[in-house]
Amino acid sequence: MYKGREGQWAFFLHRLSGLAILAYFLLHVVSISLIIFGEEAYMRVHHLYDLWPFRIGLILVTAGVAYHAFNGLRIMAMDFTGWGVAYQRQTWYGVLVITALITLYTAWMNIPRILGGY
């Protein structure tokens, strides 16, 4: 029976962050490829990225990349070390703390741009 413990949440968030990174990558490739339609089309789309919803999205993408990277290291530690499985709960909470710190730093750096200043 599904108990919703840390292992299931780590797995779910790892898959979700991977899909979010893929979506961001595809959006990035499409927006860069707009240069084939001319500089005006390219710049029109890239000016949208300075709007506040995209700045908040940048913070969320950074959180997703940080979580995915550090949780991937946690998974490798579980697979390749003798102690990884024994400490999977503690290492997952460590991943969450590191992700939160990186996300807060990214938010702190982007808040002036979200509020309209540079």
PDB file of N, CA and C in Angstrom:
ATOM      1  N   MET A   1       0.845  -1.185   0.000  1.00  0.00           N
ATOM      2  CA  MET A   1       0.000   0.000   0.000  1.00  0.00           C
ATOM      3  C   MET A   1       0.889   1.246   0.000  1.00  0.00           C
ATOM      4  N   TYR A   2       0.421   2.254  -0.695  1.00  0.00           N
ATOM      5  CA  TYR A   2       1.165   3.506  -0.785  1.00  0.00           C
ATOM      6  C   TYR A   2       1.126   4.224   0.553  1.00  0.00           C
ATOM      7  N   LYS A   3       2.288   4.529   1.095  1.00  0.00           N
ATOM      8  CA  LYS A   3       2.350   5.198   2.392  1.00  0.00           C
ATOM      9  C   LYS A   3       2.823   6.635   2.285  1.00  0.00           C
ATOM     10  N   GLY A   4       3.306   7.047   1.138  1.00  0.00           N
ATOM     11  CA  GLY A   4       3.737   8.428   0.964  1.00  0.00           C
ATOM     12  C   GLY A   4       4.956   8.803   1.787  1.00  0.00           C
ATOM     13  N   ARG A   5       5.868   7.876   1.949  1.00  0.00           N
ATOM     14  CA  ARG A   5       7.079   8.151   2.727  1.00  0.00           C
ATOM     15  C   ARG A   5       8.087   8.921   1.882  1.00  0.00           C
ATOM     16  N   GLU A   6       9.232   9.202   2.466  1.00  0.00           N
ATOM     17  CA  GLU A   6      10.233  10.030   1.805  1.00  0.00           C
ATOM     18  C   GLU A   6      10.701   9.446   0.476  1.00  0.00           C
ATOM     19  N   GLY A   7      10.840   8.137   0.411  1.00  0.00           N
ATOM     20  CA  GLY A   7      11.304   7.503  -0.822  1.00  0.00           C
ATOM     21  C   GLY A   7      10.377   7.745  -1.997  1.00  0.00           C
ATOM     22  N   GLN A   8       9.062   7.641  -1.744  1.00  0.00           N
ATOM     23  CA  GLN A   8       8.105   7.894  -2.818  1.00  0.00           C
ATOM     24  C   GLN A   8       8.115   9.359  -3.243  1.00  0.00           C
ATOM     25  N   TRP A   9       8.225  10.268  -2.274  1.00  0.00           N
ATOM     26  CA  TRP A   9       8.265  11.691  -2.610  1.00  0.00           C
ATOM     27  C   TRP A   9       9.544  12.043  -3.363  1.00  0.00           C
ATOM     28  N   ALA A  10      10.660  11.444  -2.958  1.00  0.00           N
ATOM     29  CA  ALA A  10      11.921  11.693  -3.659  1.00  0.00           C
ATOM     30  C   ALA A  10      11.821  11.218  -5.104  1.00  0.00           C
ATOM     31  N   PHE A  11      11.247  10.046  -5.310  1.00  0.00           N
ATOM     32  CA  PHE A  11      11.076   9.495  -6.655  1.00  0.00           C
ATOM     33  C   PHE A  11      10.159  10.389  -7.485  1.00  0.00           C
ATOM     34  N   PHE A  12       9.013  10.768  -6.932  1.00  0.00           N
ATOM     35  CA  PHE A  12       8.046  11.603  -7.650  1.00  0.00           C
ATOM     36  C   PHE A  12       8.650  12.957  -8.021  1.00  0.00           C
ATOM     37  N   LEU A  13       9.303  13.610  -7.068  1.00  0.00           N
ATOM     38  CA  LEU A  13       9.893  14.920  -7.343  1.00  0.00           C
ATOM     39  C   LEU A  13      11.060  14.828  -8.324  1.00  0.00           C
ATOM     40  N   HIS A  14      11.781  13.711  -8.295  1.00  0.00           N
ATOM     41  CA  HIS A  14      12.880  13.535  -9.249  1.00  0.00           C
ATOM     42  C   HIS A  14      12.329  13.441 -10.671  1.00  0.00           C
ATOM     43  N   ARG A  15      11.263  12.671 -10.851  1.00  0.00           N
ATOM     44  CA  ARG A  15      10.638  12.563 -12.177  1.00  0.00           C
ATOM     45  C   ARG A  15      10.039  13.898 -12.610  1.00  0.00           C
ATOM     46  N   LEU A  16       9.352  14.571 -11.696  1.00  0.00           N
ATOM     47  CA  LEU A  16       8.726  15.853 -12.012  1.00  0.00           C
ATOM     48  C   LEU A  16       9.770  16.903 -12.378  1.00  0.00           C
ATOM     49  N   SER A  17      10.859  16.961 -11.618  1.00  0.00           N
ATOM     50  CA  SER A  17      11.905  17.941 -11.931  1.00  0.00           C
ATOM     51  C   SER A  17      12.572  17.611 -13.262  1.00  0.00           C
ATOM     52  N   GLY A  18      12.722  16.336 -13.571  1.00  0.00           N
ATOM     53  CA  GLY A  18      13.284  15.950 -14.865  1.00  0.00           C
ATOM     54  C   GLY A  18      12.403  16.390 -16.022  1.00  0.00           C
ATOM     55  N   LEU A  19      11.091  16.222 -15.876  1.00  0.00           N
ATOM     56  CA  LEU A  19      10.168  16.675 -16.922  1.00  0.00           C
ATOM     57  C   LEU A  19      10.176  18.195 -17.053  1.00  0.00           C
ATOM     58  N   ALA A  20      10.271  18.894 -15.936  1.00  0.00           N
ATOM     59  CA  ALA A  20      10.322  20.359 -15.976  1.00  0.00           C
ATOM     60  C   ALA A  20      11.596  20.840 -16.668  1.00  0.00           C
ATOM     61  N   ILE A  21      12.718  20.186 -16.397  1.00  0.00           N
ATOM     62  CA  ILE A  21      13.975  20.548 -17.057  1.00  0.00           C
ATOM     63  C   ILE A  21      13.868  20.288 -18.560  1.00  0.00           C
ATOM     64  N   LEU A  22      13.261  19.171 -18.937  1.00  0.00           N
ATOM     65  CA  LEU A  22      13.067  18.868 -20.356  1.00  0.00           C
ATOM     66  C   LEU A  22      12.197  19.932 -21.025  1.00  0.00           C
ATOM     67  N   ALA A  23      11.104  20.328 -20.374  1.00  0.00           N
ATOM     68  CA  ALA A  23      10.225  21.363 -20.934  1.00  0.00           C
ATOM     69  C   ALA A  23      10.975  22.681 -21.088  1.00  0.00           C
ATOM     70  N   TYR A  24      11.758  23.048 -20.092  1.00  0.00           N
ATOM     71  CA  TYR A  24      12.547  24.280 -20.175  1.00  0.00           C
ATOM     72  C   TYR A  24      13.559  24.198 -21.310  1.00  0.00           C
ATOM     73  N   PHE A  25      14.211  23.060 -21.454  1.00  0.00           N
ATOM     74  CA  PHE A  25      15.191  22.879 -22.520  1.00  0.00           C
ATOM     75  C   PHE A  25      14.537  23.019 -23.890  1.00  0.00           C
ATOM     76  N   LEU A  26      13.366  22.391 -24.071  1.00  0.00           N
ATOM     77  CA  LEU A  26      12.671  22.495 -25.354  1.00  0.00           C
ATOM     78  C   LEU A  26      12.244  23.931 -25.640  1.00  0.00           C
ATOM     79  N   LEU A  27      11.739  24.635 -24.626  1.00  0.00           N
ATOM     80  CA  LEU A  27      11.374  26.041 -24.795  1.00  0.00           C
ATOM     81  C   LEU A  27      12.599  26.869 -25.164  1.00  0.00           C
ATOM     82  N   HIS A  28      13.710  26.575 -24.536  1.00  0.00           N
ATOM     83  CA  HIS A  28      14.956  27.294 -24.809  1.00  0.00           C
ATOM     84  C   HIS A  28      15.407  27.069 -26.258  1.00  0.00           C
ATOM     85  N   VAL A  29      15.360  25.839 -26.721  1.00  0.00           N
ATOM     86  CA  VAL A  29      15.773  25.529 -28.089  1.00  0.00           C
ATOM     87  C   VAL A  29      14.852  26.217 -29.093  1.00  0.00           C
ATOM     88  N   VAL A  30      13.546  26.173 -28.842  1.00  0.00           N
ATOM     89  CA  VAL A  30      12.601  26.822 -29.753  1.00  0.00           C
ATOM     90  C   VAL A  30      12.822  28.330 -29.776  1.00  0.00           C
ATOM     91  N   SER A  31      13.011  28.936 -28.611  1.00  0.00           N
ATOM     92  CA  SER A  31      13.183  30.391 -28.584  1.00  0.00           C
ATOM     93  C   SER A  31      14.492  30.818 -29.248  1.00  0.00           C
ATOM     94  N   ILE A  32      15.549  30.047 -29.090  1.00  0.00           N
ATOM     95  CA  ILE A  32      16.813  30.367 -29.752  1.00  0.00           C
ATOM     96  C   ILE A  32      16.684  30.179 -31.264  1.00  0.00           C
ATOM     97  N   SER A  33      15.927  29.169 -31.681  1.00  0.00           N
ATOM     98  CA  SER A  33      15.793  28.910 -33.117  1.00  0.00           C
ATOM     99  C   SER A  33      14.950  29.960 -33.828  1.00  0.00           C
ATOM    100  N   LEU A  34      14.286  30.829 -33.100  1.00  0.00           N
ATOM    101  CA  LEU A  34      13.506  31.890 -33.738  1.00  0.00           C
ATOM    102  C   LEU A  34      14.370  32.874 -34.511  1.00  0.00           C
ATOM    103  N   ILE A  35      15.663  32.816 -34.333  1.00  0.00           N
ATOM    104  CA  ILE A  35      16.557  33.705 -35.069  1.00  0.00           C
ATOM    105  C   ILE A  35      16.454  33.448 -36.574  1.00  0.00           C
ATOM    106  N   ILE A  36      16.024  32.250 -36.972  1.00  0.00           N
ATOM    107  CA  ILE A  36      15.883  31.974 -38.405  1.00  0.00           C
ATOM    108  C   ILE A  36      14.754  32.785 -39.030  1.00  0.00           C
ATOM    109  N   PHE A  37      13.831  33.299 -38.210  1.00  0.00           N
ATOM    110  CA  PHE A  37      12.755  34.151 -38.711  1.00  0.00           C
ATOM    111  C   PHE A  37      13.118  35.626 -38.659  1.00  0.00           C
ATOM    112  N   GLY A  38      14.305  35.923 -38.242  1.00  0.00           N
ATOM    113  CA  GLY A  38      14.774  37.300 -38.201  1.00  0.00           C
ATOM    114  C   GLY A  38      14.981  37.787 -36.782  1.00  0.00           C
ATOM    115  N   GLU A  39      15.739  38.865 -36.697  1.00  0.00           N
ATOM    116  CA  GLU A  39      16.075  39.423 -35.387  1.00  0.00           C
ATOM    117  C   GLU A  39      14.849  39.962 -34.661  1.00  0.00           C
ATOM    118  N   GLU A  40      13.886  40.511 -35.413  1.00  0.00           N
ATOM    119  CA  GLU A  40      12.703  41.084 -34.772  1.00  0.00           C
ATOM    120  C   GLU A  40      11.880  40.017 -34.047  1.00  0.00           C
ATOM    121  N   ALA A  41      11.653  38.883 -34.689  1.00  0.00           N
ATOM    122  CA  ALA A  41      10.903  37.795 -34.047  1.00  0.00           C
ATOM    123  C   ALA A  41      11.654  37.270 -32.829  1.00  0.00           C
ATOM    124  N   TYR A  42      12.952  37.135 -32.976  1.00  0.00           N
ATOM    125  CA  TYR A  42      13.790  36.652 -31.879  1.00  0.00           C
ATOM    126  C   TYR A  42      13.716  37.599 -30.680  1.00  0.00           C
ATOM    127  N   MET A  43      13.880  38.886 -30.935  1.00  0.00           N
ATOM    128  CA  MET A  43      13.888  39.867 -29.845  1.00  0.00           C
ATOM    129  C   MET A  43      12.509  40.019 -29.214  1.00  0.00           C
ATOM    130  N   ARG A  44      11.450  39.891 -30.010  1.00  0.00           N
ATOM    131  CA  ARG A  44      10.097  39.999 -29.468  1.00  0.00           C
ATOM    132  C   ARG A  44       9.856  38.919 -28.403  1.00  0.00           C
ATOM    133  N   VAL A  45      10.276  37.716 -28.703  1.00  0.00           N
ATOM    134  CA  VAL A  45      10.103  36.623 -27.738  1.00  0.00           C
ATOM    135  C   VAL A  45      11.030  36.811 -26.545  1.00  0.00           C
ATOM    136  N   HIS A  46      12.258  37.218 -26.780  1.00  0.00           N
ATOM    137  CA  HIS A  46      13.210  37.334 -25.678  1.00  0.00           C
ATOM    138  C   HIS A  46      12.924  38.520 -24.766  1.00  0.00           C
ATOM    139  N   HIS A  47      12.199  39.500 -25.258  1.00  0.00           N
ATOM    140  CA  HIS A  47      11.762  40.580 -24.363  1.00  0.00           C
ATOM    141  C   HIS A  47      10.695  40.081 -23.389  1.00  0.00           C
ATOM    142  N   LEU A  48       9.956  39.065 -23.786  1.00  0.00           N
ATOM    143  CA  LEU A  48       8.969  38.479 -22.872  1.00  0.00           C
ATOM    144  C   LEU A  48       9.642  37.863 -21.649  1.00  0.00           C
ATOM    145  N   TYR A  49      10.853  37.373 -21.833  1.00  0.00           N
ATOM    146  CA  TYR A  49      11.553  36.715 -20.731  1.00  0.00           C
ATOM    147  C   TYR A  49      11.930  37.673 -19.609  1.00  0.00           C
ATOM    148  N   ASP A  50      11.839  38.966 -19.851  1.00  0.00           N
ATOM    149  CA  ASP A  50      12.100  39.940 -18.793  1.00  0.00           C
ATOM    150  C   ASP A  50      10.863  40.237 -17.952  1.00  0.00           C
ATOM    151  N   LEU A  51       9.714  39.689 -18.327  1.00  0.00           N
ATOM    152  CA  LEU A  51       8.492  39.903 -17.549  1.00  0.00           C
ATOM    153  C   LEU A  51       8.532  39.063 -16.275  1.00  0.00           C
ATOM    154  N   TRP A  52       7.794  39.520 -15.265  1.00  0.00           N
ATOM    155  CA  TRP A  52       7.870  38.875 -13.954  1.00  0.00           C
ATOM    156  C   TRP A  52       7.451  37.405 -13.947  1.00  0.00           C
ATOM    157  N   PRO A  53       6.455  36.952 -14.747  1.00  0.00           N
ATOM    158  CA  PRO A  53       6.149  35.515 -14.687  1.00  0.00           C
ATOM    159  C   PRO A  53       7.323  34.640 -15.126  1.00  0.00           C
ATOM    160  N   PHE A  54       8.086  35.124 -16.092  1.00  0.00           N
ATOM    161  CA  PHE A  54       9.239  34.349 -16.545  1.00  0.00           C
ATOM    162  C   PHE A  54      10.371  34.397 -15.529  1.00  0.00           C
ATOM    163  N   ARG A  55      10.483  35.489 -14.801  1.00  0.00           N
ATOM    164  CA  ARG A  55      11.497  35.572 -13.737  1.00  0.00           C
ATOM    165  C   ARG A  55      11.167  34.591 -12.609  1.00  0.00           C
ATOM    166  N   ILE A  56       9.892  34.491 -12.277  1.00  0.00           N
ATOM    167  CA  ILE A  56       9.485  33.502 -11.268  1.00  0.00           C
ATOM    168  C   ILE A  56       9.725  32.095 -11.809  1.00  0.00           C
ATOM    169  N   GLY A  57       9.455  31.904 -13.094  1.00  0.00           N
ATOM    170  CA  GLY A  57       9.742  30.619 -13.720  1.00  0.00           C
ATOM    171  C   GLY A  57      11.214  30.262 -13.665  1.00  0.00           C
ATOM    172  N   LEU A  58      12.075  31.267 -13.799  1.00  0.00           N
ATOM    173  CA  LEU A  58      13.517  31.035 -13.698  1.00  0.00           C
ATOM    174  C   LEU A  58      13.894  30.528 -12.303  1.00  0.00           C
ATOM    175  N   ILE A  59      13.259  31.085 -11.295  1.00  0.00           N
ATOM    176  CA  ILE A  59      13.503  30.622  -9.924  1.00  0.00           C
ATOM    177  C   ILE A  59      13.061  29.170  -9.780  1.00  0.00           C
ATOM    178  N   LEU A  60      11.895  28.836 -10.341  1.00  0.00           N
ATOM    179  CA  LEU A  60      11.390  27.462 -10.252  1.00  0.00           C
ATOM    180  C   LEU A  60      12.269  26.489 -11.040  1.00  0.00           C
ATOM    181  N   VAL A  61      12.763  26.918 -12.196  1.00  0.00           N
ATOM    182  CA  VAL A  61      13.662  26.059 -12.977  1.00  0.00           C
ATOM    183  C   VAL A  61      14.959  25.818 -12.211  1.00  0.00           C
ATOM    184  N   THR A  62      15.474  26.858 -11.575  1.00  0.00           N
ATOM    185  CA  THR A  62      16.687  26.697 -10.771  1.00  0.00           C
ATOM    186  C   THR A  62      16.450  25.710  -9.633  1.00  0.00           C
ATOM    187  N   ALA A  63      15.295  25.808  -8.995  1.00  0.00           N
ATOM    188  CA  ALA A  63      14.959  24.858  -7.930  1.00  0.00           C
ATOM    189  C   ALA A  63      14.884  23.440  -8.479  1.00  0.00           C
ATOM    190  N   GLY A  64      14.270  23.283  -9.644  1.00  0.00           N
ATOM    191  CA  GLY A  64      14.162  21.958 -10.251  1.00  0.00           C
ATOM    192  C   GLY A  64      15.507  21.368 -10.622  1.00  0.00           C
ATOM    193  N   VAL A  65      16.379  22.190 -11.189  1.00  0.00           N
ATOM    194  CA  VAL A  65      17.714  21.712 -11.568  1.00  0.00           C
ATOM    195  C   VAL A  65      18.523  21.349 -10.322  1.00  0.00           C
ATOM    196  N   ALA A  66      18.448  22.197  -9.298  1.00  0.00           N
ATOM    197  CA  ALA A  66      19.191  21.912  -8.061  1.00  0.00           C
ATOM    198  C   ALA A  66      18.695  20.617  -7.424  1.00  0.00           C
ATOM    199  N   TYR A  67      17.370  20.469  -7.324  1.00  0.00           N
ATOM    200  CA  TYR A  67      16.830  19.247  -6.724  1.00  0.00           C
ATOM    201  C   TYR A  67      17.241  18.028  -7.542  1.00  0.00           C
ATOM    202  N   HIS A  68      17.077  18.107  -8.856  1.00  0.00           N
ATOM    203  CA  HIS A  68      17.369  16.964  -9.713  1.00  0.00           C
ATOM    204  C   HIS A  68      18.847  16.569  -9.621  1.00  0.00           C
ATOM    205  N   ALA A  69      19.720  17.562  -9.595  1.00  0.00           N
ATOM    206  CA  ALA A  69      21.158  17.279  -9.523  1.00  0.00           C
ATOM    207  C   ALA A  69      21.536  16.641  -8.189  1.00  0.00           C
ATOM    208  N   PHE A  70      21.113  17.255  -7.095  1.00  0.00           N
ATOM    209  CA  PHE A  70      21.518  16.735  -5.789  1.00  0.00           C
ATOM    210  C   PHE A  70      20.805  15.431  -5.438  1.00  0.00           C
ATOM    211  N   ASN A  71      19.568  15.278  -5.891  1.00  0.00           N
ATOM    212  CA  ASN A  71      18.898  14.004  -5.664  1.00  0.00           C
ATOM    213  C   ASN A  71      19.539  12.911  -6.518  1.00  0.00           C
ATOM    214  N   GLY A  72      20.016  13.262  -7.702  1.00  0.00           N
ATOM    215  CA  GLY A  72      20.746  12.294  -8.511  1.00  0.00           C
ATOM    216  C   GLY A  72      22.016  11.826  -7.826  1.00  0.00           C
ATOM    217  N   LEU A  73      22.721  12.752  -7.179  1.00  0.00           N
ATOM    218  CA  LEU A  73      23.902  12.356  -6.401  1.00  0.00           C
ATOM    219  C   LEU A  73      23.512  11.460  -5.233  1.00  0.00           C
ATOM    220  N   ARG A  74      22.376  11.750  -4.618  1.00  0.00           N
ATOM    221  CA  ARG A  74      21.878  10.915  -3.517  1.00  0.00           C
ATOM    222  C   ARG A  74      21.567   9.509  -4.019  1.00  0.00           C
ATOM    223  N   ILE A  75      20.950   9.420  -5.191  1.00  0.00           N
ATOM    224  CA  ILE A  75      20.624   8.112  -5.768  1.00  0.00           C
ATOM    225  C   ILE A  75      21.901   7.340  -6.087  1.00  0.00           C
ATOM    226  N   MET A  76      22.908   8.029  -6.623  1.00  0.00           N
ATOM    227  CA  MET A  76      24.179   7.354  -6.902  1.00  0.00           C
ATOM    228  C   MET A  76      24.830   6.871  -5.611  1.00  0.00           C
ATOM    229  N   ALA A  77      24.735   7.665  -4.551  1.00  0.00           N
ATOM    230  CA  ALA A  77      25.295   7.237  -3.262  1.00  0.00           C
ATOM    231  C   ALA A  77      24.566   5.998  -2.756  1.00  0.00           C
ATOM    232  N   MET A  78      23.252   5.949  -2.964  1.00  0.00           N
ATOM    233  CA  MET A  78      22.495   4.772  -2.537  1.00  0.00           C
ATOM    234  C   MET A  78      22.892   3.544  -3.346  1.00  0.00           C
ATOM    235  N   ASP A  79      23.171   3.735  -4.641  1.00  0.00           N
ATOM    236  CA  ASP A  79      23.496   2.600  -5.502  1.00  0.00           C
ATOM    237  C   ASP A  79      24.925   2.097  -5.335  1.00  0.00           C
ATOM    238  N   PHE A  80      25.863   3.006  -5.096  1.00  0.00           N
ATOM    239  CA  PHE A  80      27.268   2.631  -5.171  1.00  0.00           C
ATOM    240  C   PHE A  80      28.008   2.616  -3.840  1.00  0.00           C
ATOM    241  N   THR A  81      27.340   2.923  -2.752  1.00  0.00           N
ATOM    242  CA  THR A  81      28.007   2.870  -1.453  1.00  0.00           C
ATOM    243  C   THR A  81      27.251   1.919  -0.534  1.00  0.00           C
ATOM    244  N   GLY A  82      27.908   1.506   0.496  1.00  0.00           N
ATOM    245  CA  GLY A  82      27.261   0.636   1.458  1.00  0.00           C
ATOM    246  C   GLY A  82      26.373   1.385   2.436  1.00  0.00           C
ATOM    247  N   TRP A  83      26.594   2.674   2.595  1.00  0.00           N
ATOM    248  CA  TRP A  83      25.849   3.442   3.591  1.00  0.00           C
ATOM    249  C   TRP A  83      24.666   4.193   3.001  1.00  0.00           C
ATOM    250  N   GLY A  84      24.553   4.271   1.672  1.00  0.00           N
ATOM    251  CA  GLY A  84      23.540   5.106   1.036  1.00  0.00           C
ATOM    252  C   GLY A  84      22.114   4.754   1.407  1.00  0.00           C
ATOM    253  N   VAL A  85      21.793   3.478   1.379  1.00  0.00           N
ATOM    254  CA  VAL A  85      20.423   3.054   1.675  1.00  0.00           C
ATOM    255  C   VAL A  85      20.100   3.267   3.149  1.00  0.00           C
ATOM    256  N   ALA A  86      21.066   3.054   4.006  1.00  0.00           N
ATOM    257  CA  ALA A  86      20.826   3.209   5.444  1.00  0.00           C
ATOM    258  C   ALA A  86      20.495   4.648   5.820  1.00  0.00           C
ATOM    259  N   TYR A  87      20.992   5.590   5.049  1.00  0.00           N
ATOM    260  CA  TYR A  87      20.773   7.009   5.355  1.00  0.00           C
ATOM    261  C   TYR A  87      19.963   7.728   4.280  1.00  0.00           C
ATOM    262  N   GLN A  88      19.098   6.995   3.581  1.00  0.00           N
ATOM    263  CA  GLN A  88      18.377   7.623   2.479  1.00  0.00           C
ATOM    264  C   GLN A  88      17.431   8.726   2.948  1.00  0.00           C
ATOM    265  N   ARG A  89      16.809   8.560   4.095  1.00  0.00           N
ATOM    266  CA  ARG A  89      15.901   9.594   4.606  1.00  0.00           C
ATOM    267  C   ARG A  89      16.673  10.867   4.956  1.00  0.00           C
ATOM    268  N   GLN A  90      17.773  10.725   5.668  1.00  0.00           N
ATOM    269  CA  GLN A  90      18.564  11.886   6.062  1.00  0.00           C
ATOM    270  C   GLN A  90      19.160  12.596   4.845  1.00  0.00           C
ATOM    271  N   THR A  91      19.644  11.818   3.877  1.00  0.00           N
ATOM    272  CA  THR A  91      20.225  12.458   2.698  1.00  0.00           C
ATOM    273  C   THR A  91      19.156  13.155   1.869  1.00  0.00           C
ATOM    274  N   TRP A  92      17.920  12.620   1.854  1.00  0.00           N
ATOM    275  CA  TRP A  92      16.855  13.296   1.112  1.00  0.00           C
ATOM    276  C   TRP A  92      16.523  14.635   1.764  1.00  0.00           C
ATOM    277  N   TYR A  93      16.476  14.660   3.090  1.00  0.00           N
ATOM    278  CA  TYR A  93      16.249  15.942   3.763  1.00  0.00           C
ATOM    279  C   TYR A  93      17.412  16.906   3.513  1.00  0.00           C
ATOM    280  N   GLY A  94      18.617  16.384   3.423  1.00  0.00           N
ATOM    281  CA  GLY A  94      19.756  17.225   3.065  1.00  0.00           C
ATOM    282  C   GLY A  94      19.606  17.805   1.666  1.00  0.00           C
ATOM    283  N   VAL A  95      19.124  16.986   0.725  1.00  0.00           N
ATOM    284  CA  VAL A  95      18.860  17.470  -0.636  1.00  0.00           C
ATOM    285  C   VAL A  95      17.835  18.592  -0.600  1.00  0.00           C
ATOM    286  N   LEU A  96      16.790  18.433   0.200  1.00  0.00           N
ATOM    287  CA  LEU A  96      15.760  19.475   0.298  1.00  0.00           C
ATOM    288  C   LEU A  96      16.325  20.772   0.874  1.00  0.00           C
ATOM    289  N   VAL A  97      17.191  20.663   1.873  1.00  0.00           N
ATOM    290  CA  VAL A  97      17.784  21.862   2.476  1.00  0.00           C
ATOM    291  C   VAL A  97      18.685  22.576   1.469  1.00  0.00           C
ATOM    292  N   ILE A  98      19.531  21.821   0.775  1.00  0.00           N
ATOM    293  CA  ILE A  98      20.416  22.432  -0.224  1.00  0.00           C
ATOM    294  C   ILE A  98      19.598  23.081  -1.338  1.00  0.00           C
ATOM    295  N   THR A  99      18.548  22.389  -1.788  1.00  0.00           N
ATOM    296  CA  THR A  99      17.679  22.950  -2.825  1.00  0.00           C
ATOM    297  C   THR A  99      17.017  24.228  -2.349  1.00  0.00           C
ATOM    298  N   ALA A 100      16.541  24.240  -1.113  1.00  0.00           N
ATOM    299  CA  ALA A 100      15.896  25.444  -0.572  1.00  0.00           C
ATOM    300  C   ALA A 100      16.880  26.605  -0.495  1.00  0.00           C
ATOM    301  N   LEU A 101      18.111  26.333  -0.069  1.00  0.00           N
ATOM    302  CA  LEU A 101      19.113  27.401   0.016  1.00  0.00           C
ATOM    303  C   LEU A 101      19.440  27.980  -1.359  1.00  0.00           C
ATOM    304  N   ILE A 102      19.604  27.120  -2.337  1.00  0.00           N
ATOM    305  CA  ILE A 102      19.892  27.590  -3.699  1.00  0.00           C
ATOM    306  C   ILE A 102      18.704  28.362  -4.259  1.00  0.00           C
ATOM    307  N   THR A 103      17.499  27.878  -4.001  1.00  0.00           N
ATOM    308  CA  THR A 103      16.295  28.561  -4.479  1.00  0.00           C
ATOM    309  C   THR A 103      16.137  29.919  -3.818  1.00  0.00           C
ATOM    310  N   LEU A 104      16.390  29.999  -2.527  1.00  0.00           N
ATOM    311  CA  LEU A 104      16.295  31.288  -1.839  1.00  0.00           C
ATOM    312  C   LEU A 104      17.330  32.277  -2.365  1.00  0.00           C
ATOM    313  N   TYR A 105      18.534  31.810  -2.626  1.00  0.00           N
ATOM    314  CA  TYR A 105      19.562  32.689  -3.189  1.00  0.00           C
ATOM    315  C   TYR A 105      19.149  33.186  -4.577  1.00  0.00           C
ATOM    316  N   THR A 106      18.632  32.289  -5.396  1.00  0.00           N
ATOM    317  CA  THR A 106      18.178  32.682  -6.730  1.00  0.00           C
ATOM    318  C   THR A 106      17.031  33.675  -6.642  1.00  0.00           C
ATOM    319  N   ALA A 107      16.104  33.437  -5.725  1.00  0.00           N
ATOM    320  CA  ALA A 107      14.989  34.376  -5.546  1.00  0.00           C
ATOM    321  C   ALA A 107      15.510  35.732  -5.089  1.00  0.00           C
ATOM    322  N   TRP A 108      16.445  35.729  -4.161  1.00  0.00           N
ATOM    323  CA  TRP A 108      17.013  36.984  -3.655  1.00  0.00           C
ATOM    324  C   TRP A 108      17.690  37.769  -4.775  1.00  0.00           C
ATOM    325  N   MET A 109      18.356  37.064  -5.684  1.00  0.00           N
ATOM    326  CA  MET A 109      19.018  37.733  -6.802  1.00  0.00           C
ATOM    327  C   MET A 109      18.021  38.243  -7.845  1.00  0.00           C
ATOM    328  N   ASN A 110      16.850  37.607  -7.943  1.00  0.00           N
ATOM    329  CA  ASN A 110      15.882  37.970  -8.977  1.00  0.00           C
ATOM    330  C   ASN A 110      14.763  38.878  -8.491  1.00  0.00           C
ATOM    331  N   ILE A 111      14.595  39.035  -7.197  1.00  0.00           N
ATOM    332  CA  ILE A 111      13.515  39.888  -6.680  1.00  0.00           C
ATOM    333  C   ILE A 111      13.602  41.315  -7.224  1.00  0.00           C
ATOM    334  N   PRO A 112      14.772  41.955  -7.278  1.00  0.00           N
ATOM    335  CA  PRO A 112      14.815  43.305  -7.860  1.00  0.00           C
ATOM    336  C   PRO A 112      14.333  43.344  -9.309  1.00  0.00           C
ATOM    337  N   ARG A 113      14.664  42.337 -10.085  1.00  0.00           N
ATOM    338  CA  ARG A 113      14.215  42.296 -11.480  1.00  0.00           C
ATOM    339  C   ARG A 113      12.719  42.028 -11.556  1.00  0.00           C
ATOM    340  N   ILE A 114      12.193  41.208 -10.656  1.00  0.00           N
ATOM    341  CA  ILE A 114      10.755  40.939 -10.649  1.00  0.00           C
ATOM    342  C   ILE A 114       9.989  42.203 -10.293  1.00  0.00           C
ATOM    343  N   LEU A 115      10.528  42.973  -9.364  1.00  0.00           N
ATOM    344  CA  LEU A 115       9.853  44.194  -8.924  1.00  0.00           C
ATOM    345  C   LEU A 115      10.098  45.377  -9.853  1.00  0.00           C
ATOM    346  N   GLY A 116      10.876  45.162 -10.902  1.00  0.00           N
ATOM    347  CA  GLY A 116      11.014  46.201 -11.910  1.00  0.00           C
ATOM    348  C   GLY A 116      12.342  46.907 -11.968  1.00  0.00           C
ATOM    349  N   GLY A 117      13.244  46.632 -11.075  1.00  0.00           N
ATOM    350  CA  GLY A 117      14.552  47.276 -11.113  1.00  0.00           C
ATOM    351  C   GLY A 117      15.609  46.338 -11.631  1.00  0.00           C
ATOM    352  N   TYR A 118      16.744  46.889 -11.932  1.00  0.00           N
ATOM    353  CA  TYR A 118      17.869  46.047 -12.359  1.00  0.00           C
ATOM    354  C   TYR A 118      18.970  46.273 -11.415  1.00  0.00           C
TER     355      TYR A 118
END
